[in-house]
């Protein structure tokens, strides 16, 4: 749910500029929100680009020495296309809404741009967009061995521009975050068999690491010989050593710029030997640098392979308890979804305000987000959990420790409600509230007005975002409420349930949300025992909320209506605003 969607209808109909409502809404029509289809597919495209560069750049520098990118026109054109995608993405980030550390969606263009510039990623991304291969091609007009050797030996020439390709690898630092935030990746992970997904994940990981090891192994020989051509045979390195001892006429030949594929298969053969600890002995280090690299790799691969074997043999049991619970719950979810008699029901049947997502997708998303946002190592949750149900350790503590822990867990949340703050309440009273309140979780699109067992109450948002709605006789008012760490509408909860119930607030949740719910019965119990909190704070808020609710039900005069119709265009618009 975007902020534009949450704005009053009158703002949209009468073209009032968003910045007139709030400065943070300036330019909001240009903001790209995470849940938009464009952002979803664009993020997946960037993931593919990063994977491509993670494979291509080590090969480009370590195996072909730049030869492939400079001699193959189609490959060069493809790289220019991919490079242009990175360039577009570099400036597109200036318009991408993001979530801060508290989970709050930041959509102000000013804050987005400040965050992007201050993080330093704009400058790194900009350097990564420099097409080093294209510039190098302009400096090497012919592609024979002598020209390549001379150009790459010129540190101020083509070799310098090859270094710009390395900046593209910095994108790998954000790869994991992109994967965790990509809705397409989440959807695929939710729908595929977990064991199959883990097997594919580890296979890809082994292949990528083997590829990197092979490219670096070849690059060491290249640094020592300063060429992949005939000078390679005249230099002391592992390739020349293998060639002199194992080369067979007509077989694999790693010598020569154009033989990059033969060189790659030979390097990959050694890399896989090292990872699997097989070692045929026909490829061996010769120089000090090669021995140092091989020694480090043997130590690293021993640990790495032990991890991979353990993970592949028993992928599920090797996971943490939270991940294992997620696997079990998602498998059960997929079984339930298969039994759905219909894939999508009309809104007239479901009554759900969310139409763009099927129920099956919403269920899978809720389970995934429950895991991603879990603050404990368990996903066992109910619609409403008491403090002791959420933190079982409390049940075994002494009364004093129990009270202290309850205050540590909830004090900052309770303090956000003025008449329940420590200014009026004792630690014992706040602890009483803590133990009689509930932790609840909602997924995107859900709404809440009162709990079936505990009634109305205050929602204090611990994670996520929501807004409130008043609905009566077809008219609707909406506005933003409930940012993380803040309560929503602490005044109206003081009003009786039967006092203009048709105008009382309904909460809608725009994303996965965790709230701390204080029931009204608990609040009124505390206020009855604490007259000072009622007289000095809560009473005035009660009166204000009562006036607001009554004024919404009151008919306006005909003269006032005419003035409003002149300003807003029609009687229907006046009804909407009222």
Protein backbone atom coordinates (compact mmCIF):
# COMPACT_ATOMS: atom_id res chain seq x y z
CA UNK A 1 0.00 0.00 0.00
CA UNK A 2 1.62 3.24 -1.11
CA UNK A 3 1.26 6.55 0.63
CA UNK A 4 -0.58 7.87 -2.43
CA UNK A 5 -3.19 5.13 -2.00
CA UNK A 6 -3.52 6.02 1.66
CA UNK A 7 -4.29 9.66 0.95
CA UNK A 8 -7.86 10.96 1.24
CA UNK A 9 -9.90 10.55 -1.94
CA UNK A 10 -10.48 14.28 -2.16
CA UNK A 11 -6.77 14.86 -2.61
CA UNK A 12 -6.69 12.57 -5.64
CA UNK A 13 -9.92 13.86 -7.21
CA UNK A 14 -9.12 17.56 -6.93
CA UNK A 15 -5.45 17.33 -7.89
CA UNK A 16 -4.16 18.80 -4.68
CA UNK A 17 -0.40 18.36 -4.83
CA UNK A 18 0.88 15.66 -2.46
CA UNK A 19 3.49 18.03 -1.04
CA UNK A 20 0.62 20.28 0.14
CA UNK A 21 -0.42 17.45 2.45
CA UNK A 22 3.09 16.48 3.58
CA UNK A 23 6.56 17.59 2.37
CA UNK A 24 7.65 13.93 2.37
CA UNK A 25 5.12 13.23 -0.43
CA UNK A 26 6.78 15.59 -2.90
CA UNK A 27 7.52 13.73 -6.12
CA UNK A 28 5.89 10.54 -4.82
CA UNK A 29 4.52 9.72 -8.27
CA UNK A 30 8.12 9.08 -9.37
CA UNK A 31 8.93 6.77 -6.44
CA UNK A 32 9.32 3.05 -7.23
CA UNK A 33 7.91 0.98 -4.37
CA UNK A 34 9.20 -2.55 -3.56
CA UNK A 35 5.84 -4.22 -4.22
CA UNK A 36 5.44 -2.82 -7.74
CA UNK A 37 5.69 -5.29 -10.62
CA UNK A 38 8.42 -3.27 -12.30
CA UNK A 39 10.59 -3.36 -9.15
CA UNK A 40 9.95 -7.08 -8.76
CA UNK A 41 11.15 -7.95 -12.27
CA UNK A 42 13.93 -5.36 -12.32
CA UNK A 43 15.46 -6.73 -9.10
CA UNK A 44 15.41 -10.22 -10.60
CA UNK A 45 17.14 -8.88 -13.73
CA UNK A 46 19.86 -7.29 -11.58
CA UNK A 47 20.33 -10.62 -9.76
CA UNK A 48 20.93 -12.30 -13.13
CA UNK A 49 23.36 -9.51 -14.13
CA UNK A 50 25.34 -9.95 -10.90
CA UNK A 51 25.52 -13.72 -11.44
CA UNK A 52 26.70 -13.13 -15.00
CA UNK A 53 29.48 -10.79 -13.86
CA UNK A 54 30.46 -13.17 -11.03
CA UNK A 55 31.15 -15.77 -13.72
CA UNK A 56 32.36 -13.60 -16.60
CA UNK A 57 34.79 -11.15 -14.97
CA UNK A 58 37.06 -13.81 -13.34
CA UNK A 59 37.04 -15.67 -16.68
CA UNK A 60 37.67 -12.45 -18.60
CA UNK A 61 40.70 -11.49 -16.51
CA UNK A 62 42.09 -14.85 -15.40
CA UNK A 63 41.45 -17.15 -18.36
CA UNK A 64 41.12 -15.13 -21.57
CA UNK A 65 43.17 -12.15 -20.41
CA UNK A 66 40.63 -9.92 -22.12
CA UNK A 67 41.06 -11.65 -25.47
CA UNK A 68 37.48 -12.97 -25.71
CA UNK A 69 35.87 -9.64 -24.98
CA UNK A 70 38.10 -7.84 -27.49
CA UNK A 71 37.91 -10.25 -30.43
CA UNK A 72 34.30 -11.41 -30.35
CA UNK A 73 32.02 -8.61 -31.60
CA UNK A 74 28.83 -10.34 -30.42
CA UNK A 75 30.27 -10.86 -26.96
CA UNK A 76 31.32 -7.23 -26.85
CA UNK A 77 27.82 -6.08 -27.88
CA UNK A 78 26.24 -8.28 -25.21
CA UNK A 79 28.56 -6.83 -22.55
CA UNK A 80 27.60 -3.32 -23.62
CA UNK A 81 23.94 -4.25 -23.21
CA UNK A 82 24.50 -5.68 -19.72
CA UNK A 83 26.63 -2.65 -18.84
CA UNK A 84 23.80 -0.33 -19.87
CA UNK A 85 21.47 -2.20 -17.47
CA UNK A 86 23.92 -1.48 -14.65
CA UNK A 87 24.06 2.17 -15.68
CA UNK A 88 20.26 2.47 -15.61
CA UNK A 89 20.14 0.73 -12.23
CA UNK A 90 22.77 3.12 -10.82
CA UNK A 91 20.45 6.10 -11.34
CA UNK A 92 17.23 4.18 -10.76
CA UNK A 93 18.19 3.73 -7.10
CA UNK A 94 17.58 7.47 -6.63
CA UNK A 95 13.87 6.68 -7.01
CA UNK A 96 13.69 3.35 -5.15
CA UNK A 97 11.84 3.32 -1.83
CA UNK A 98 13.59 1.22 0.80
CA UNK A 99 13.07 -0.03 4.34
CA UNK A 100 15.29 1.28 7.12
CA UNK A 101 16.67 -0.74 10.04
CA UNK A 102 13.31 -0.51 11.86
CA UNK A 103 11.43 -1.90 8.86
CA UNK A 104 9.81 1.47 8.06
CA UNK A 105 9.33 2.15 4.36
CA UNK A 106 11.22 5.30 3.32
CA UNK A 107 9.61 6.88 0.24
CA UNK A 108 10.69 10.53 0.54
CA UNK A 109 12.83 11.28 -2.53
CA UNK A 110 15.05 13.58 -0.50
CA UNK A 111 15.81 10.89 2.12
CA UNK A 112 16.28 8.22 -0.55
CA UNK A 113 18.88 10.32 -2.36
CA UNK A 114 20.68 11.35 0.81
CA UNK A 115 20.89 7.72 1.94
CA UNK A 116 22.19 6.56 -1.45
CA UNK A 117 24.88 9.25 -1.67
CA UNK A 118 26.04 8.95 1.95
CA UNK A 119 26.30 5.16 1.74
CA UNK A 120 28.92 5.54 -1.01
CA UNK A 121 27.18 3.02 -3.26
CA UNK A 122 26.40 5.60 -5.93
CA UNK A 123 30.10 6.23 -6.62
CA UNK A 124 30.97 2.52 -6.55
CA UNK A 125 28.11 1.72 -8.91
CA UNK A 126 29.12 4.58 -11.20
CA UNK A 127 32.71 3.27 -11.47
CA UNK A 128 31.34 -0.19 -12.18
CA UNK A 129 29.49 1.21 -15.21
CA UNK A 130 32.69 2.19 -17.02
CA UNK A 131 32.92 -0.19 -20.04
CA UNK A 132 36.56 -1.23 -19.65
CA UNK A 133 36.43 -3.83 -22.44
CA UNK A 134 35.06 -1.34 -24.97
CA UNK A 135 37.69 1.26 -24.13
CA UNK A 136 40.40 -1.37 -24.30
CA UNK A 137 39.22 -2.44 -27.74
CA UNK A 138 39.77 1.07 -29.00
CA UNK A 139 43.38 0.91 -27.78
CA UNK A 140 44.10 -2.49 -29.41
CA UNK A 141 43.20 -2.20 -33.13
CA UNK A 142 44.65 -5.60 -34.07
CA UNK A 143 44.44 -8.83 -32.17
CA UNK A 144 47.55 -10.83 -32.83
CA UNK A 145 49.74 -12.18 -30.02
CA UNK A 146 52.36 -9.45 -30.23
CA UNK A 147 49.76 -6.67 -30.10
CA UNK A 148 47.99 -8.24 -27.12
CA UNK A 149 51.25 -8.74 -25.21
CA UNK A 150 52.35 -5.16 -25.85
CA UNK A 151 49.00 -3.66 -24.94
CA UNK A 152 48.64 -5.58 -21.69
CA UNK A 153 52.23 -4.79 -20.73
CA UNK A 154 51.39 -1.09 -21.07
CA UNK A 155 50.11 -0.31 -17.58
CA UNK A 156 48.79 3.04 -18.72
CA UNK A 157 46.97 1.49 -21.66
CA UNK A 158 44.49 -1.31 -22.11
CA UNK A 159 45.51 -3.13 -18.93
CA UNK A 160 44.45 -0.11 -16.88
CA UNK A 161 40.91 -0.16 -18.26
CA UNK A 162 40.55 -3.86 -17.54
CA UNK A 163 40.76 -2.98 -13.84
CA UNK A 164 37.46 -1.11 -14.07
CA UNK A 165 35.77 -4.46 -14.65
CA UNK A 166 36.72 -5.45 -11.09
CA UNK A 167 34.44 -2.71 -9.69
CA UNK A 168 31.48 -4.65 -11.05
CA UNK A 169 32.27 -7.41 -8.54
CA UNK A 170 31.47 -5.01 -5.69
CA UNK A 171 27.84 -5.63 -6.57
CA UNK A 172 28.29 -9.08 -5.00
CA UNK A 173 28.29 -7.38 -1.58
CA UNK A 174 24.60 -6.57 -2.07
CA UNK A 175 23.73 -9.85 -3.75
CA UNK A 176 22.47 -11.55 -0.62
CA UNK A 177 20.24 -8.62 0.29
CA UNK A 178 18.80 -8.59 -3.22
CA UNK A 179 18.05 -12.30 -2.98
CA UNK A 180 16.34 -11.92 0.40
CA UNK A 181 14.19 -9.00 -0.83
CA UNK A 182 13.33 -10.30 -4.30
CA UNK A 183 9.66 -11.30 -4.43
CA UNK A 184 10.25 -13.55 -7.45
CA UNK A 185 13.01 -15.47 -5.66
CA UNK A 186 10.84 -15.79 -2.53
CA UNK A 187 7.96 -17.06 -4.62
CA UNK A 188 10.13 -19.66 -6.35
CA UNK A 189 11.67 -20.76 -3.03
CA UNK A 190 8.22 -21.11 -1.46
CA UNK A 191 6.83 -23.24 -4.26
CA UNK A 192 9.75 -25.59 -4.96
CA UNK A 193 10.51 -28.69 -2.91
CA UNK A 194 12.89 -27.56 -0.16
CA UNK A 195 15.34 -30.47 -0.49
CA UNK A 196 15.56 -29.88 -4.24
CA UNK A 197 16.11 -26.16 -3.70
CA UNK A 198 18.91 -26.79 -1.21
CA UNK A 199 20.57 -29.29 -3.55
CA UNK A 200 20.47 -26.74 -6.38
CA UNK A 201 21.80 -24.05 -4.06
CA UNK A 202 24.83 -26.11 -2.97
CA UNK A 203 25.50 -27.31 -6.52
CA UNK A 204 25.58 -23.70 -7.70
CA UNK A 205 27.81 -22.73 -4.77
CA UNK A 206 30.33 -25.52 -5.50
CA UNK A 207 30.35 -24.67 -9.22
CA UNK A 208 30.89 -20.95 -8.63
CA UNK A 209 33.69 -21.45 -6.10
CA UNK A 210 35.39 -24.00 -8.41
CA UNK A 211 35.13 -21.44 -11.21
CA UNK A 212 36.75 -18.71 -9.10
CA UNK A 213 39.55 -21.01 -7.95
CA UNK A 214 40.25 -22.06 -11.56
CA UNK A 215 40.33 -18.46 -12.85
CA UNK A 216 42.67 -17.31 -10.07
CA UNK A 217 44.94 -20.34 -10.64
CA UNK A 218 45.26 -19.42 -14.33
CA UNK A 219 45.70 -15.73 -13.49
CA UNK A 220 48.76 -16.52 -11.33
CA UNK A 221 50.47 -18.14 -14.33
CA UNK A 222 49.47 -15.16 -16.46
CA UNK A 223 51.05 -12.72 -14.01
CA UNK A 224 54.28 -14.71 -14.02
CA UNK A 225 54.50 -15.00 -17.82
CA UNK A 226 52.89 -11.63 -18.69
CA UNK A 227 51.20 -13.44 -21.59
CA UNK A 228 49.08 -16.40 -22.61
CA UNK A 229 51.02 -16.74 -25.86
CA UNK A 230 54.41 -18.31 -26.57
CA UNK A 231 56.14 -16.36 -23.75
CA UNK A 232 54.15 -18.61 -21.40
CA UNK A 233 56.38 -21.56 -22.41
CA UNK A 234 59.54 -19.55 -21.77
CA UNK A 235 58.43 -18.63 -18.24
CA UNK A 236 58.49 -20.79 -15.12
CA UNK A 237 54.89 -21.51 -14.14
CA UNK A 238 52.49 -24.41 -13.66
CA UNK A 239 51.09 -24.22 -17.22
CA UNK A 240 54.51 -24.53 -18.88
CA UNK A 241 55.41 -27.30 -16.43
CA UNK A 242 52.26 -29.25 -17.36
CA UNK A 243 52.79 -28.58 -21.08
CA UNK A 244 56.37 -29.89 -21.03
CA UNK A 245 55.40 -33.03 -19.11
CA UNK A 246 51.84 -33.94 -20.12
CA UNK A 247 50.93 -32.27 -23.44
CA UNK A 248 49.85 -34.68 -26.20
CA UNK A 249 49.79 -33.57 -29.84
CA UNK A 250 46.20 -32.86 -30.85
CA UNK A 251 45.01 -32.85 -27.25
CA UNK A 252 44.19 -30.03 -24.86
CA UNK A 253 46.51 -27.04 -25.44
CA UNK A 254 46.50 -24.17 -22.93
CA UNK A 255 49.14 -22.11 -24.78
CA UNK A 256 47.90 -19.28 -26.98
CA UNK A 257 45.46 -16.41 -26.51
CA UNK A 258 42.84 -18.11 -28.66
CA UNK A 259 42.96 -21.33 -26.57
CA UNK A 260 41.12 -19.84 -23.60
CA UNK A 261 38.63 -22.71 -23.37
CA UNK A 262 41.40 -25.34 -23.22
CA UNK A 263 43.11 -23.26 -20.54
CA UNK A 264 39.86 -23.00 -18.59
CA UNK A 265 39.16 -26.75 -18.60
CA UNK A 266 42.71 -27.46 -17.44
CA UNK A 267 42.44 -24.88 -14.62
CA UNK A 268 38.98 -26.13 -13.62
CA UNK A 269 40.28 -29.70 -13.56
CA UNK A 270 42.92 -28.68 -10.99
CA UNK A 271 40.37 -26.65 -8.98
CA UNK A 272 37.95 -29.57 -8.68
CA UNK A 273 40.81 -31.90 -7.75
CA UNK A 274 41.77 -29.53 -4.95
CA UNK A 275 38.21 -29.16 -3.64
CA UNK A 276 37.52 -32.92 -3.71
CA UNK A 277 41.03 -33.80 -2.41
CA UNK A 278 41.55 -36.28 -5.28
CA UNK A 279 44.80 -34.91 -6.73
CA UNK A 280 46.17 -36.79 -9.77
CA UNK A 281 49.51 -35.02 -9.45
CA UNK A 282 49.83 -34.12 -13.14
CA UNK A 283 49.19 -30.42 -12.38
CA UNK A 284 51.48 -29.08 -9.69
CA UNK A 285 52.66 -25.67 -8.43
CA UNK A 286 56.16 -24.58 -9.41
CA UNK A 287 56.81 -21.04 -8.18
CA UNK A 288 56.58 -19.58 -4.68
CA UNK A 289 53.31 -17.79 -5.46
CA UNK A 290 51.77 -20.98 -6.80
CA UNK A 291 52.82 -23.02 -3.76
CA UNK A 292 51.46 -20.34 -1.41
CA UNK A 293 48.12 -20.33 -3.25
CA UNK A 294 47.93 -24.13 -3.31
CA UNK A 295 48.72 -24.44 0.42
CA UNK A 296 46.07 -21.89 1.35
CA UNK A 297 43.57 -23.59 -0.93
CA UNK A 298 44.17 -27.06 0.52
CA UNK A 299 43.42 -25.77 4.02
CA UNK A 300 40.36 -23.91 2.83
CA UNK A 301 39.00 -26.71 0.67
CA UNK A 302 39.28 -29.25 3.48
CA UNK A 303 36.90 -27.19 5.61
CA UNK A 304 34.69 -26.24 2.67
CA UNK A 305 34.24 -29.78 1.37
CA UNK A 306 33.43 -31.13 4.82
CA UNK A 307 30.70 -28.52 5.10
CA UNK A 308 29.30 -29.26 1.64
CA UNK A 309 29.23 -33.03 2.19
CA UNK A 310 27.44 -32.64 5.53
CA UNK A 311 24.94 -30.22 4.03
CA UNK A 312 24.15 -32.38 1.01
CA UNK A 313 23.87 -35.66 2.94
CA UNK A 314 21.34 -34.28 5.38
CA UNK A 315 20.29 -30.84 4.18
CA UNK A 316 17.27 -30.46 6.39
CA UNK A 317 18.79 -31.70 9.67
CA UNK A 318 21.89 -29.60 9.06
CA UNK A 319 19.79 -26.43 9.14
CA UNK A 320 19.03 -24.41 12.24
CA UNK A 321 15.83 -25.06 14.17
CA UNK A 322 14.15 -21.96 12.71
CA UNK A 323 14.93 -22.99 9.13
CA UNK A 324 13.79 -26.55 9.80
CA UNK A 325 10.49 -25.29 11.17
CA UNK A 326 10.14 -23.13 8.08
CA UNK A 327 10.72 -26.15 5.82
CA UNK A 328 8.11 -28.19 7.67
CA UNK A 329 5.53 -25.40 7.71
CA UNK A 330 6.07 -24.56 4.04
CA UNK A 331 5.74 -28.21 2.99
CA UNK A 332 2.46 -28.47 4.95
CA UNK A 333 1.35 -25.19 3.38
CA UNK A 334 2.03 -26.48 -0.13
CA UNK A 335 0.04 -29.63 0.63
CA UNK A 336 -2.89 -27.52 1.84
CA UNK A 337 -2.77 -25.25 -1.21
CA UNK A 338 -2.89 -28.29 -3.53
CA UNK A 339 -6.22 -29.21 -1.91
CA UNK A 340 -7.81 -25.81 -2.64
CA UNK A 341 -10.94 -26.46 -4.70
CA UNK A 342 -10.59 -23.09 -6.46
CA UNK A 343 -7.53 -20.93 -7.06
CA UNK A 344 -9.13 -17.50 -6.70
CA UNK A 345 -12.44 -16.31 -5.25
CA UNK A 346 -14.09 -12.95 -5.99
CA UNK A 347 -13.93 -10.20 -3.39
CA UNK A 348 -17.69 -10.43 -2.95
CA UNK A 349 -17.16 -13.91 -1.54
CA UNK A 350 -13.97 -13.39 0.48
CA UNK A 351 -14.55 -9.84 1.74
CA UNK A 352 -10.77 -9.34 1.57
CA UNK A 353 -9.48 -5.87 0.56
CA UNK A 354 -6.48 -7.44 -1.20
CA UNK A 355 -7.39 -8.56 -4.71
CA UNK A 356 -4.06 -8.61 -6.53
CA UNK A 357 -2.63 -11.58 -4.61
CA UNK A 358 -4.09 -15.06 -4.54
CA UNK A 359 -4.69 -16.55 -1.09
CA UNK A 360 -2.07 -19.25 -1.74
CA UNK A 361 0.57 -16.57 -2.34
CA UNK A 362 -0.50 -14.63 0.76
CA UNK A 363 -0.25 -17.75 2.95
CA UNK A 364 3.22 -18.60 1.64
CA UNK A 365 4.34 -14.98 2.03
CA UNK A 366 3.08 -14.86 5.63
CA UNK A 367 5.07 -18.00 6.58
CA UNK A 368 8.20 -16.68 4.86
CA UNK A 369 7.97 -13.25 6.47
CA UNK A 370 7.31 -14.84 9.87
CA UNK A 371 10.64 -16.63 9.51
CA UNK A 372 12.52 -13.59 8.15
CA UNK A 373 11.24 -11.27 10.90
CA UNK A 374 11.38 -13.79 13.75
CA UNK A 375 13.01 -12.47 16.93
CA UNK A 376 13.19 -15.91 18.51
CA UNK A 377 14.44 -19.26 17.21
CA UNK A 378 10.93 -20.58 16.83
CA UNK A 379 8.11 -19.97 14.40
CA UNK A 380 5.44 -21.37 16.73
CA UNK A 381 2.98 -18.52 16.97
CA UNK A 382 -0.72 -17.98 17.48
CA UNK A 383 -2.91 -15.05 16.57
CA UNK A 384 -2.31 -13.60 20.03
CA UNK A 385 0.43 -14.65 22.45
CA UNK A 386 0.95 -13.53 26.01
CA UNK A 387 4.40 -12.51 27.16
CA UNK A 388 4.94 -15.85 28.90
CA UNK A 389 3.81 -17.81 25.85
CA UNK A 390 6.23 -15.89 23.68
CA UNK A 391 9.12 -16.12 26.15
CA UNK A 392 8.75 -19.40 28.10
CA UNK A 393 11.81 -18.60 30.23
CA UNK A 394 9.67 -16.14 32.20
CA UNK A 395 7.64 -18.98 33.73
CA UNK A 396 10.66 -20.40 35.59
CA UNK A 397 11.93 -17.12 37.07
CA UNK A 398 11.35 -15.67 40.51
CA UNK A 399 8.62 -13.01 40.74
CA UNK A 400 11.14 -10.17 40.96
CA UNK A 401 13.16 -11.35 37.96
CA UNK A 402 9.97 -12.02 36.09
CA UNK A 403 8.81 -8.44 36.62
CA UNK A 404 12.19 -7.00 35.61
CA UNK A 405 12.33 -9.06 32.44
CA UNK A 406 8.77 -8.04 31.55
CA UNK A 407 9.72 -4.38 31.92
CA UNK A 408 12.85 -4.85 29.81
CA UNK A 409 10.74 -6.43 27.09
CA UNK A 410 7.87 -3.95 27.03
CA UNK A 411 8.77 -0.75 28.91
CA UNK A 412 9.66 1.34 25.84
CA UNK A 413 6.44 0.20 24.16
CA UNK A 414 4.18 1.03 27.10
CA UNK A 415 5.91 4.40 27.54
CA UNK A 416 4.57 5.51 24.15
CA UNK A 417 1.06 5.65 25.66
CA UNK A 418 1.00 8.90 27.71
CA UNK A 419 -1.46 7.83 30.42
CA UNK A 420 0.32 4.45 30.86
CA UNK A 421 3.82 5.91 31.09
CA UNK A 422 6.02 5.80 34.18
CA UNK A 423 5.00 9.41 34.84
CA UNK A 424 1.71 8.03 36.19
CA UNK A 425 2.17 4.28 36.63
CA UNK A 426 4.40 2.32 38.99
CA UNK A 427 6.69 -0.49 37.74
CA UNK A 428 4.27 -3.02 39.18
CA UNK A 429 1.37 -1.51 37.22
CA UNK A 430 3.37 -1.49 34.00
CA UNK A 431 4.42 -5.11 34.60
CA UNK A 432 0.74 -5.98 35.08
CA UNK A 433 -0.01 -4.45 31.68
CA UNK A 434 2.90 -6.36 30.14
CA UNK A 435 1.66 -9.74 31.37
CA UNK A 436 -1.92 -9.08 30.30
CA UNK A 437 -1.14 -7.78 26.81
CA UNK A 438 -0.56 -9.76 23.64
CA UNK A 439 1.91 -10.04 20.78
CA UNK A 440 0.11 -10.34 17.44
CA UNK A 441 1.19 -10.67 13.81
CA UNK A 442 -0.64 -9.66 10.64
CA UNK A 443 0.14 -10.12 6.96
CA UNK A 444 -0.34 -7.58 4.19
CA UNK A 445 -3.99 -6.84 3.44
CA UNK A 446 -5.44 -7.92 6.79
CA UNK A 447 -7.69 -5.65 8.85
CA UNK A 448 -8.42 -5.52 12.57
CA UNK A 449 -10.99 -3.73 14.72
CA UNK A 450 -11.24 -5.87 17.82
CA UNK A 451 -10.05 -9.23 19.08
CA UNK A 452 -12.81 -11.89 19.33
CA UNK A 453 -11.83 -12.66 22.93
CA UNK A 454 -10.14 -9.50 24.25
CA UNK A 455 -12.09 -6.77 22.45
CA UNK A 456 -10.70 -3.39 21.38
CA UNK A 457 -7.33 -2.08 22.45
CA UNK A 458 -4.20 -0.14 21.59
CA UNK A 459 -1.93 -1.44 18.82
CA UNK A 460 1.73 -0.48 19.30
CA UNK A 461 3.62 -1.26 16.10
CA UNK A 462 6.83 -3.21 16.68
CA UNK A 463 7.50 -3.91 13.01
CA UNK A 464 5.82 -2.87 9.80
CA UNK A 465 3.27 -0.27 8.86
CA UNK A 466 -0.49 0.20 9.03
CA UNK A 467 -3.17 2.80 8.52
CA UNK A 468 -6.61 3.46 9.98
CA UNK A 469 -9.96 3.68 8.23
CA UNK A 470 -13.31 5.12 9.31
CA UNK A 471 -16.14 3.72 7.26
CA UNK A 472 -19.79 4.66 7.44
CA UNK A 473 -22.62 4.98 4.94
CA UNK A 474 -20.32 4.51 1.96
CA UNK A 475 -17.88 7.31 2.81
CA UNK A 476 -14.37 6.56 3.83
CA UNK A 477 -11.51 8.45 5.45
CA UNK A 478 -7.96 7.18 5.53
CA UNK A 479 -4.68 8.43 6.88
CA UNK A 480 -1.29 7.14 7.91
CA UNK A 481 -0.85 5.70 11.34
CA UNK A 482 1.22 3.22 13.23
CA UNK A 483 4.85 3.61 12.25
CA UNK A 484 7.25 1.24 13.97
CA UNK A 485 7.71 2.07 17.64
CA UNK A 486 4.57 4.16 17.90
CA UNK A 487 1.01 3.41 19.08
CA UNK A 488 -2.03 3.95 16.90
CA UNK A 489 -4.88 6.10 18.28
CA UNK A 490 -4.42 5.95 22.03
CA UNK A 491 -7.34 8.29 22.67
CA UNK A 492 -10.23 6.53 20.99
CA UNK A 493 -9.69 3.27 22.90
CA UNK A 494 -10.93 5.09 26.02
CA UNK A 495 -14.39 5.53 24.46
CA UNK A 496 -17.01 2.83 25.14
CA UNK A 497 -17.55 0.14 22.52
CA UNK A 498 -21.16 1.21 21.88
CA UNK A 499 -20.35 4.90 21.43
CA UNK A 500 -20.84 5.52 17.67
CA UNK A 501 -19.37 2.12 16.80
CA UNK A 502 -19.95 2.73 13.07
CA UNK A 503 -17.32 5.50 13.16
CA UNK A 504 -14.74 3.74 15.28
CA UNK A 505 -11.41 2.91 13.70
CA UNK A 506 -10.50 -0.12 11.62
CA UNK A 507 -6.82 -0.95 11.22
CA UNK A 508 -5.39 -2.06 7.88
CA UNK A 509 -1.89 -3.50 7.48
CA UNK A 510 0.18 -2.64 4.42
CA UNK A 511 2.86 -5.28 4.99
CA UNK A 512 3.91 -7.99 7.41
CA UNK A 513 3.34 -6.35 10.80
CA UNK A 514 4.06 -7.20 14.43
CA UNK A 515 2.10 -5.34 17.09
CA UNK A 516 1.93 -5.20 20.88
CA UNK A 517 -1.78 -5.27 21.78
CA UNK A 518 -3.00 -3.77 25.09
CA UNK A 519 -6.68 -4.68 25.60
CA UNK A 520 -9.06 -1.92 26.63
CA UNK A 521 -10.20 -3.97 29.65
CA UNK A 522 -6.62 -3.93 30.99
CA UNK A 523 -6.32 -0.18 30.38
CA UNK A 524 -9.57 0.65 32.16
CA UNK A 525 -8.66 -1.65 35.06
CA UNK A 526 -5.39 0.26 35.57
CA UNK A 527 -7.08 3.68 35.24
CA UNK A 528 -9.74 2.75 37.82
CA UNK A 529 -6.99 1.91 40.31
CA UNK A 530 -4.94 4.97 39.40
CA UNK A 531 -7.15 8.11 39.60
CA UNK A 532 -4.19 10.41 38.97
CA UNK A 533 -3.49 8.89 35.52
CA UNK A 534 -7.17 9.29 34.66
CA UNK A 535 -7.70 12.84 35.94
CA UNK A 536 -4.39 14.36 34.75
CA UNK A 537 -4.13 12.71 31.33
CA UNK A 538 -6.63 10.09 30.17
CA UNK A 539 -9.76 12.15 30.97
CA UNK A 540 -8.83 14.93 28.52
CA UNK A 541 -8.04 12.39 25.80
CA UNK A 542 -11.35 10.62 26.44
CA UNK A 543 -13.28 13.89 26.04
CA UNK A 544 -11.38 14.78 22.84
CA UNK A 545 -12.04 11.37 21.29
CA UNK A 546 -15.73 11.54 22.24
CA UNK A 547 -16.07 14.95 20.58
CA UNK A 548 -14.36 13.72 17.42
CA UNK A 549 -16.66 10.71 17.10
CA UNK A 550 -19.79 12.77 17.79
CA UNK A 551 -18.77 15.49 15.33
CA UNK A 552 -18.41 12.90 12.57
CA UNK A 553 -22.01 11.86 13.04
CA UNK A 554 -23.31 15.42 13.15
CA UNK A 555 -24.94 16.97 10.08
CA UNK A 556 -23.41 20.20 8.85
CA UNK A 557 -25.51 23.30 8.14
CA UNK A 558 -26.80 24.05 4.61
CA UNK A 559 -24.75 27.24 4.36
CA UNK A 560 -21.56 25.41 5.29
CA UNK A 561 -22.39 22.68 2.78
CA UNK A 562 -22.79 25.26 -0.03
CA UNK A 563 -19.41 26.78 0.78
CA UNK A 564 -17.82 23.32 0.74
CA UNK A 565 -19.56 22.41 -2.54
CA UNK A 566 -18.13 25.54 -4.10
CA UNK A 567 -14.65 24.55 -2.99
CA UNK A 568 -14.76 20.82 -3.76
CA UNK A 569 -17.06 20.63 -6.76
CA UNK A 570 -20.01 18.40 -5.90
CA UNK A 571 -22.20 17.14 -3.01
CA UNK A 572 -20.59 13.70 -3.38
CA UNK A 573 -17.13 15.17 -2.74
CA UNK A 574 -18.43 16.99 0.34
CA UNK A 575 -19.84 13.72 1.67
CA UNK A 576 -16.47 12.06 1.06
CA UNK A 577 -14.62 14.77 2.99
CA UNK A 578 -17.15 14.72 5.85
